[in-house]
Amino acid sequence: MQLLAADPDLPNALRYWVQHCRKPDCRLHSPAYPELTGDGRTVLLLNFEFNGYTTLAGYVASGDSVRRVLDYSGEKVRVGTVGHDLVVEESGDSHKTTRYRWNGEQLAPVPLDSPPPVRTP
């Protein structure tokens, strides 16, 4: 939570949630470190629930600091990986699934049926 609170570029809506996230209304899940970049670097994935919504924030190391590469908020969210892709399933009112793939700068949405990228050594 401290990383999110210290992020100067955190969107205002997320900043509000971070500032007001207190137990028992707020649940911070254990951080996850999936390898989503395809080059061996892990992404720090933070996941917390507040007032019925789940917020995901992803960060990668960038020199001596970290850089946010994913923002997602939704209702009743499940997160998983398929290869190097992050799959976010939302079962709230919107019932949607979004697949994210590393584009060299951030995790960007791609079509669900998108084939995995060809990686050259």
Protein backbone atom coordinates (compact mmCIF):
# COMPACT_ATOMS: atom_id res chain seq x y z
CA MET A 1 0.00 0.00 0.00
CA GLN A 2 2.93 2.35 0.68
CA LEU A 3 4.13 1.99 -2.90
CA LEU A 4 0.71 3.05 -4.19
CA ALA A 5 0.48 5.96 -1.74
CA ALA A 6 3.95 7.19 -2.79
CA ASP A 7 3.22 7.02 -6.53
CA PRO A 8 3.04 10.68 -7.67
CA ASP A 9 1.22 9.71 -10.89
CA LEU A 10 -1.47 7.60 -9.24
CA PRO A 11 -4.87 8.53 -10.71
CA ASN A 12 -7.05 10.53 -8.30
CA ALA A 13 -9.69 7.78 -8.04
CA LEU A 14 -7.07 5.24 -6.98
CA ARG A 15 -5.42 7.73 -4.62
CA TYR A 16 -8.78 8.18 -2.85
CA TRP A 17 -9.12 4.41 -2.41
CA VAL A 18 -5.58 4.07 -1.09
CA GLN A 19 -6.05 6.92 1.39
CA HIS A 20 -9.35 5.55 2.69
CA CYS A 21 -8.56 1.84 2.62
CA ARG A 22 -8.89 0.62 6.21
CA LYS A 23 -9.70 -2.81 7.58
CA PRO A 24 -12.25 -4.42 7.60
CA ASP A 25 -13.59 -2.53 4.55
CA CYS A 26 -10.33 -2.90 2.63
CA ARG A 27 -8.48 -6.11 1.88
CA LEU A 28 -4.97 -6.04 0.48
CA HIS A 29 -4.01 -9.35 -1.14
CA SER A 30 -0.47 -10.69 -1.05
CA PRO A 31 1.65 -9.17 -3.82
CA ALA A 32 2.23 -11.35 -6.88
CA TYR A 33 5.32 -11.31 -9.09
CA PRO A 34 4.40 -12.87 -12.44
CA GLU A 35 6.88 -12.77 -15.31
CA LEU A 36 4.82 -10.93 -17.90
CA THR A 37 7.47 -9.02 -19.84
CA GLY A 38 8.92 -12.00 -21.69
CA ASP A 39 12.47 -10.99 -20.76
CA GLY A 40 12.68 -12.51 -17.29
CA ARG A 41 11.70 -9.36 -15.38
CA THR A 42 8.78 -9.74 -13.03
CA VAL A 43 5.88 -7.36 -12.59
CA LEU A 44 4.88 -6.45 -9.04
CA LEU A 45 1.11 -6.89 -9.07
CA LEU A 46 -0.82 -5.28 -6.20
CA ASN A 47 -4.45 -6.22 -5.71
CA PHE A 48 -6.80 -4.75 -3.13
CA GLU A 49 -10.54 -4.70 -2.53
CA PHE A 50 -12.42 -1.68 -1.22
CA ASN A 51 -16.17 -1.00 -1.14
CA GLY A 52 -16.96 -3.94 -3.44
CA TYR A 53 -14.38 -3.04 -6.08
CA THR A 54 -11.02 -4.59 -6.84
CA THR A 55 -8.08 -2.48 -7.91
CA LEU A 56 -4.98 -3.84 -9.62
CA ALA A 57 -1.77 -1.91 -10.05
CA GLY A 58 1.28 -3.33 -11.79
CA TYR A 59 4.84 -2.02 -11.44
CA VAL A 60 8.21 -2.85 -13.01
CA ALA A 61 11.68 -1.85 -11.87
CA SER A 62 13.07 1.04 -13.87
CA GLY A 63 16.61 1.96 -12.84
CA ASP A 64 16.55 2.85 -9.15
CA SER A 65 12.79 3.31 -9.05
CA VAL A 66 9.59 1.58 -10.08
CA ARG A 67 7.20 2.50 -12.87
CA ARG A 68 3.46 1.75 -12.95
CA VAL A 69 2.51 -0.31 -16.03
CA LEU A 70 -1.06 -1.37 -15.22
CA ASP A 71 -4.17 0.20 -13.67
CA TYR A 72 -7.41 -1.73 -13.44
CA SER A 73 -10.53 -1.39 -11.27
CA GLY A 74 -13.66 -3.50 -11.41
CA GLU A 75 -16.21 -5.56 -9.51
CA LYS A 76 -15.61 -9.17 -8.45
CA VAL A 77 -12.28 -9.57 -10.21
CA ARG A 78 -10.24 -12.74 -10.74
CA VAL A 79 -6.71 -12.55 -12.10
CA GLY A 80 -4.64 -15.22 -13.80
CA THR A 81 -1.92 -15.68 -16.36
CA VAL A 82 -1.77 -17.43 -19.71
CA GLY A 83 1.86 -17.65 -20.77
CA HIS A 84 3.18 -14.10 -20.40
CA ASP A 85 -0.30 -12.57 -20.61
CA LEU A 86 -2.35 -11.33 -17.67
CA VAL A 87 -6.04 -12.25 -17.82
CA VAL A 88 -8.52 -10.23 -15.75
CA GLU A 89 -12.07 -11.57 -15.40
CA GLU A 90 -14.72 -9.30 -13.98
CA SER A 91 -17.99 -10.90 -12.89
CA GLY A 92 -19.74 -7.78 -11.58
CA ASP A 93 -22.32 -5.90 -13.63
CA SER A 94 -20.08 -5.74 -16.71
CA HIS A 95 -19.12 -9.46 -16.96
CA LYS A 96 -16.01 -8.91 -19.05
CA THR A 97 -12.63 -10.51 -19.57
CA THR A 98 -9.58 -8.49 -20.56
CA ARG A 99 -6.25 -9.91 -21.64
CA TYR A 100 -3.13 -7.77 -21.16
CA ARG A 101 0.22 -8.20 -22.88
CA TRP A 102 3.55 -6.46 -22.42
CA ASN A 103 4.19 -4.08 -25.33
CA GLY A 104 7.67 -3.01 -24.26
CA GLU A 105 6.37 -0.13 -22.13
CA GLN A 106 3.27 -1.33 -20.29
CA LEU A 107 0.65 -4.05 -20.03
CA ALA A 108 -1.80 -3.22 -22.81
CA PRO A 109 -5.14 -4.86 -23.65
CA VAL A 110 -5.12 -7.33 -26.55
CA PRO A 111 -7.95 -9.38 -28.10
CA LEU A 112 -8.79 -12.48 -26.08
CA ASP A 113 -8.03 -14.76 -29.02
CA SER A 114 -4.74 -13.02 -29.78
CA PRO A 115 -1.96 -15.57 -30.45
CA PRO A 116 1.11 -15.36 -28.23
CA PRO A 117 3.89 -13.16 -29.61
CA VAL A 118 6.84 -14.78 -31.32
CA ARG A 119 9.88 -14.13 -29.17
CA THR A 120 13.33 -14.31 -30.69
CA PRO A 121 16.34 -15.07 -28.51
